[in-house]
Amino acid sequence: MKTKKIELDVDFIGGQTTLTKEEEKTISEYIKKSKSKKTKKTLHKIKIVKQLI
């Protein structure tokens, strides 16, 4: 059975106004947290591989 894809033909999502300082801060904090989670996961994987060797 095929699934249907809905494609949106948009150039941008959201309003046309600039971000406020508070919005910029929350977005940057979120990105920092997600990057730190990724690095923690990769470091954990590296430790496990080193223990196996």
PDB file of N, CA and C in Angstrom:
ATOM      1  N   MET A   1       0.838  -1.174   0.000  1.00  0.00           N
ATOM      2  CA  MET A   1       0.000   0.000   0.000  1.00  0.00           C
ATOM      3  C   MET A   1       0.891   1.249   0.000  1.00  0.00           C
ATOM      4  N   LYS A   2       0.622   2.180  -0.872  1.00  0.00           N
ATOM      5  CA  LYS A   2       1.421   3.386  -0.981  1.00  0.00           C
ATOM      6  C   LYS A   2       0.982   4.416   0.051  1.00  0.00           C
ATOM      7  N   THR A   3       1.971   5.147   0.515  1.00  0.00           N
ATOM      8  CA  THR A   3       1.644   6.259   1.396  1.00  0.00           C
ATOM      9  C   THR A   3       1.682   7.538   0.585  1.00  0.00           C
ATOM     10  N   LYS A   4       0.818   8.447   0.921  1.00  0.00           N
ATOM     11  CA  LYS A   4       0.747   9.710   0.197  1.00  0.00           C
ATOM     12  C   LYS A   4       1.622  10.738   0.905  1.00  0.00           C
ATOM     13  N   LYS A   5       2.413  11.453   0.129  1.00  0.00           N
ATOM     14  CA  LYS A   5       3.218  12.528   0.675  1.00  0.00           C
ATOM     15  C   LYS A   5       2.561  13.853   0.334  1.00  0.00           C
ATOM     16  N   ILE A   6       2.483  14.689   1.324  1.00  0.00           N
ATOM     17  CA  ILE A   6       1.950  16.026   1.106  1.00  0.00           C
ATOM     18  C   ILE A   6       3.144  16.978   1.074  1.00  0.00           C
ATOM     19  N   GLU A   7       3.342  17.614  -0.048  1.00  0.00           N
ATOM     20  CA  GLU A   7       4.445  18.557  -0.170  1.00  0.00           C
ATOM     21  C   GLU A   7       3.906  19.970  -0.039  1.00  0.00           C
ATOM     22  N   LEU A   8       4.577  20.734   0.795  1.00  0.00           N
ATOM     23  CA  LEU A   8       4.189  22.120   0.976  1.00  0.00           C
ATOM     24  C   LEU A   8       5.117  22.998   0.153  1.00  0.00           C
ATOM     25  N   ASP A   9       4.559  23.897  -0.588  1.00  0.00           N
ATOM     26  CA  ASP A   9       5.346  24.803  -1.409  1.00  0.00           C
ATOM     27  C   ASP A   9       5.452  26.143  -0.690  1.00  0.00           C
ATOM     28  N   VAL A  10       6.355  26.191   0.306  1.00  0.00           N
ATOM     29  CA  VAL A  10       6.534  27.417   1.077  1.00  0.00           C
ATOM     30  C   VAL A  10       8.007  27.794   1.098  1.00  0.00           C
ATOM     31  N   ASP A  11       8.255  29.071   1.222  1.00  0.00           N
ATOM     32  CA  ASP A  11       9.625  29.564   1.319  1.00  0.00           C
ATOM     33  C   ASP A  11      10.059  29.713   2.767  1.00  0.00           C
ATOM     34  N   PHE A  12       9.124  29.922   3.654  1.00  0.00           N
ATOM     35  CA  PHE A  12       9.442  30.100   5.060  1.00  0.00           C
ATOM     36  C   PHE A  12       8.272  29.619   5.895  1.00  0.00           C
ATOM     37  N   ILE A  13       8.578  29.302   7.148  1.00  0.00           N
ATOM     38  CA  ILE A  13       7.545  28.875   8.088  1.00  0.00           C
ATOM     39  C   ILE A  13       7.542  29.876   9.227  1.00  0.00           C
ATOM     40  N   GLY A  14       6.407  30.351   9.606  1.00  0.00           N
ATOM     41  CA  GLY A  14       6.314  31.303  10.695  1.00  0.00           C
ATOM     42  C   GLY A  14       6.037  32.706  10.174  1.00  0.00           C
ATOM     43  N   GLY A  15       6.155  33.646  11.063  1.00  0.00           N
ATOM     44  CA  GLY A  15       5.886  35.031  10.701  1.00  0.00           C
ATOM     45  C   GLY A  15       7.075  35.675  10.025  1.00  0.00           C
ATOM     46  N   GLN A  16       6.863  36.876   9.556  1.00  0.00           N
ATOM     47  CA  GLN A  16       7.926  37.600   8.872  1.00  0.00           C
ATOM     48  C   GLN A  16       8.674  38.541   9.805  1.00  0.00           C
ATOM     49  N   THR A  17       8.335  38.530  11.077  1.00  0.00           N
ATOM     50  CA  THR A  17       9.006  39.410  12.026  1.00  0.00           C
ATOM     51  C   THR A  17      10.300  38.756  12.504  1.00  0.00           C
ATOM     52  N   THR A  18      11.197  39.554  13.020  1.00  0.00           N
ATOM     53  CA  THR A  18      12.457  39.023  13.545  1.00  0.00           C
ATOM     54  C   THR A  18      12.214  38.409  14.920  1.00  0.00           C
ATOM     55  N   LEU A  19      13.151  37.561  15.319  1.00  0.00           N
ATOM     56  CA  LEU A  19      13.043  36.917  16.623  1.00  0.00           C
ATOM     57  C   LEU A  19      13.400  37.908  17.723  1.00  0.00           C
ATOM     58  N   THR A  20      12.749  37.746  18.858  1.00  0.00           N
ATOM     59  CA  THR A  20      13.099  38.566  20.007  1.00  0.00           C
ATOM     60  C   THR A  20      14.332  37.971  20.673  1.00  0.00           C
ATOM     61  N   LYS A  21      14.951  38.733  21.556  1.00  0.00           N
ATOM     62  CA  LYS A  21      16.152  38.260  22.264  1.00  0.00           C
ATOM     63  C   LYS A  21      15.836  37.004  23.076  1.00  0.00           C
ATOM     64  N   GLU A  22      14.645  36.967  23.668  1.00  0.00           N
ATOM     65  CA  GLU A  22      14.239  35.818  24.478  1.00  0.00           C
ATOM     66  C   GLU A  22      14.092  34.570  23.610  1.00  0.00           C
ATOM     67  N   GLU A  23      13.491  34.723  22.432  1.00  0.00           N
ATOM     68  CA  GLU A  23      13.331  33.595  21.525  1.00  0.00           C
ATOM     69  C   GLU A  23      14.683  33.088  21.022  1.00  0.00           C
ATOM     70  N   GLU A  24      15.587  34.013  20.694  1.00  0.00           N
ATOM     71  CA  GLU A  24      16.923  33.622  20.259  1.00  0.00           C
ATOM     72  C   GLU A  24      17.647  32.847  21.352  1.00  0.00           C
ATOM     73  N   LYS A  25      17.492  33.298  22.589  1.00  0.00           N
ATOM     74  CA  LYS A  25      18.153  32.652  23.723  1.00  0.00           C
ATOM     75  C   LYS A  25      17.621  31.236  23.929  1.00  0.00           C
ATOM     76  N   THR A  26      16.305  31.065  23.863  1.00  0.00           N
ATOM     77  CA  THR A  26      15.739  29.735  24.070  1.00  0.00           C
ATOM     78  C   THR A  26      16.139  28.781  22.953  1.00  0.00           C
ATOM     79  N   ILE A  27      16.198  29.273  21.726  1.00  0.00           N
ATOM     80  CA  ILE A  27      16.604  28.428  20.602  1.00  0.00           C
ATOM     81  C   ILE A  27      18.060  28.015  20.751  1.00  0.00           C
ATOM     82  N   SER A  28      18.931  28.953  21.106  1.00  0.00           N
ATOM     83  CA  SER A  28      20.348  28.619  21.251  1.00  0.00           C
ATOM     84  C   SER A  28      20.573  27.653  22.416  1.00  0.00           C
ATOM     85  N   GLU A  29      19.828  27.804  23.511  1.00  0.00           N
ATOM     86  CA  GLU A  29      19.935  26.866  24.633  1.00  0.00           C
ATOM     87  C   GLU A  29      19.511  25.466  24.209  1.00  0.00           C
ATOM     88  N   TYR A  30      18.439  25.374  23.432  1.00  0.00           N
ATOM     89  CA  TYR A  30      17.970  24.080  22.956  1.00  0.00           C
ATOM     90  C   TYR A  30      19.020  23.408  22.070  1.00  0.00           C
ATOM     91  N   ILE A  31      19.628  24.184  21.185  1.00  0.00           N
ATOM     92  CA  ILE A  31      20.645  23.629  20.293  1.00  0.00           C
ATOM     93  C   ILE A  31      21.853  23.155  21.091  1.00  0.00           C
ATOM     94  N   LYS A  32      22.275  23.923  22.084  1.00  0.00           N
ATOM     95  CA  LYS A  32      23.405  23.528  22.926  1.00  0.00           C
ATOM     96  C   LYS A  32      23.108  22.226  23.662  1.00  0.00           C
ATOM     97  N   LYS A  33      21.895  22.100  24.197  1.00  0.00           N
ATOM     98  CA  LYS A  33      21.520  20.885  24.915  1.00  0.00           C
ATOM     99  C   LYS A  33      21.512  19.676  23.991  1.00  0.00           C
ATOM    100  N   SER A  34      20.967  19.844  22.790  1.00  0.00           N
ATOM    101  CA  SER A  34      20.897  18.713  21.865  1.00  0.00           C
ATOM    102  C   SER A  34      22.292  18.300  21.407  1.00  0.00           C
ATOM    103  N   LYS A  35      23.193  19.264  21.210  1.00  0.00           N
ATOM    104  CA  LYS A  35      24.568  18.936  20.828  1.00  0.00           C
ATOM    105  C   LYS A  35      25.284  18.208  21.956  1.00  0.00           C
ATOM    106  N   SER A  36      25.061  18.646  23.201  1.00  0.00           N
ATOM    107  CA  SER A  36      25.733  17.992  24.315  1.00  0.00           C
ATOM    108  C   SER A  36      25.217  16.566  24.503  1.00  0.00           C
ATOM    109  N   LYS A  37      23.935  16.337  24.237  1.00  0.00           N
ATOM    110  CA  LYS A  37      23.389  14.981  24.324  1.00  0.00           C
ATOM    111  C   LYS A  37      24.038  14.076  23.291  1.00  0.00           C
ATOM    112  N   LYS A  38      24.235  14.600  22.071  1.00  0.00           N
ATOM    113  CA  LYS A  38      24.861  13.808  21.017  1.00  0.00           C
ATOM    114  C   LYS A  38      26.287  13.441  21.383  1.00  0.00           C
ATOM    115  N   THR A  39      27.039  14.397  21.919  1.00  0.00           N
ATOM    116  CA  THR A  39      28.433  14.115  22.265  1.00  0.00           C
ATOM    117  C   THR A  39      28.519  13.124  23.421  1.00  0.00           C
ATOM    118  N   LYS A  40      27.599  13.218  24.369  1.00  0.00           N
ATOM    119  CA  LYS A  40      27.601  12.268  25.477  1.00  0.00           C
ATOM    120  C   LYS A  40      27.343  10.856  24.978  1.00  0.00           C
ATOM    121  N   LYS A  41      26.423  10.719  24.014  1.00  0.00           N
ATOM    122  CA  LYS A  41      26.116   9.401  23.469  1.00  0.00           C
ATOM    123  C   LYS A  41      27.313   8.828  22.735  1.00  0.00           C
ATOM    124  N   THR A  42      27.994   9.650  21.944  1.00  0.00           N
ATOM    125  CA  THR A  42      29.139   9.142  21.190  1.00  0.00           C
ATOM    126  C   THR A  42      30.292   8.802  22.129  1.00  0.00           C
ATOM    127  N   LEU A  43      30.498   9.593  23.173  1.00  0.00           N
ATOM    128  CA  LEU A  43      31.553   9.281  24.131  1.00  0.00           C
ATOM    129  C   LEU A  43      31.259   7.966  24.845  1.00  0.00           C
ATOM    130  N   HIS A  44      29.999   7.729  25.150  1.00  0.00           N
ATOM    131  CA  HIS A  44      29.609   6.488  25.809  1.00  0.00           C
ATOM    132  C   HIS A  44      29.877   5.297  24.886  1.00  0.00           C
ATOM    133  N   LYS A  45      29.560   5.453  23.606  1.00  0.00           N
ATOM    134  CA  LYS A  45      29.806   4.381  22.647  1.00  0.00           C
ATOM    135  C   LYS A  45      31.294   4.112  22.514  1.00  0.00           C
ATOM    136  N   ILE A  46      32.110   5.165  22.508  1.00  0.00           N
ATOM    137  CA  ILE A  46      33.552   4.997  22.397  1.00  0.00           C
ATOM    138  C   ILE A  46      34.094   4.252  23.605  1.00  0.00           C
ATOM    139  N   LYS A  47      33.600   4.564  24.801  1.00  0.00           N
ATOM    140  CA  LYS A  47      34.035   3.868  26.014  1.00  0.00           C
ATOM    141  C   LYS A  47      33.716   2.384  25.927  1.00  0.00           C
ATOM    142  N   ILE A  48      32.534   2.056  25.447  1.00  0.00           N
ATOM    143  CA  ILE A  48      32.121   0.659  25.347  1.00  0.00           C
ATOM    144  C   ILE A  48      33.020  -0.078  24.354  1.00  0.00           C
ATOM    145  N   VAL A  49      33.328   0.530  23.238  1.00  0.00           N
ATOM    146  CA  VAL A  49      34.176  -0.099  22.235  1.00  0.00           C
ATOM    147  C   VAL A  49      35.580  -0.305  22.798  1.00  0.00           C
ATOM    148  N   LYS A  50      36.105   0.670  23.505  1.00  0.00           N
ATOM    149  CA  LYS A  50      37.446   0.552  24.079  1.00  0.00           C
ATOM    150  C   LYS A  50      37.494  -0.571  25.122  1.00  0.00           C
ATOM    151  N   GLN A  51      36.404  -0.756  25.868  1.00  0.00           N
ATOM    152  CA  GLN A  51      36.366  -1.813  26.871  1.00  0.00           C
ATOM    153  C   GLN A  51      36.353  -3.183  26.197  1.00  0.00           C
ATOM    154  N   LEU A  52      35.757  -3.286  25.053  1.00  0.00           N
ATOM    155  CA  LEU A  52      35.693  -4.553  24.357  1.00  0.00           C
ATOM    156  C   LEU A  52      37.042  -4.934  23.746  1.00  0.00           C
ATOM    157  N   ILE A  53      37.851  -3.939  23.459  1.00  0.00           N
ATOM    158  CA  ILE A  53      39.159  -4.218  22.834  1.00  0.00           C
ATOM    159  C   ILE A  53      40.133  -4.624  23.835  1.00  0.00           C
TER     160      ILE A  53
END
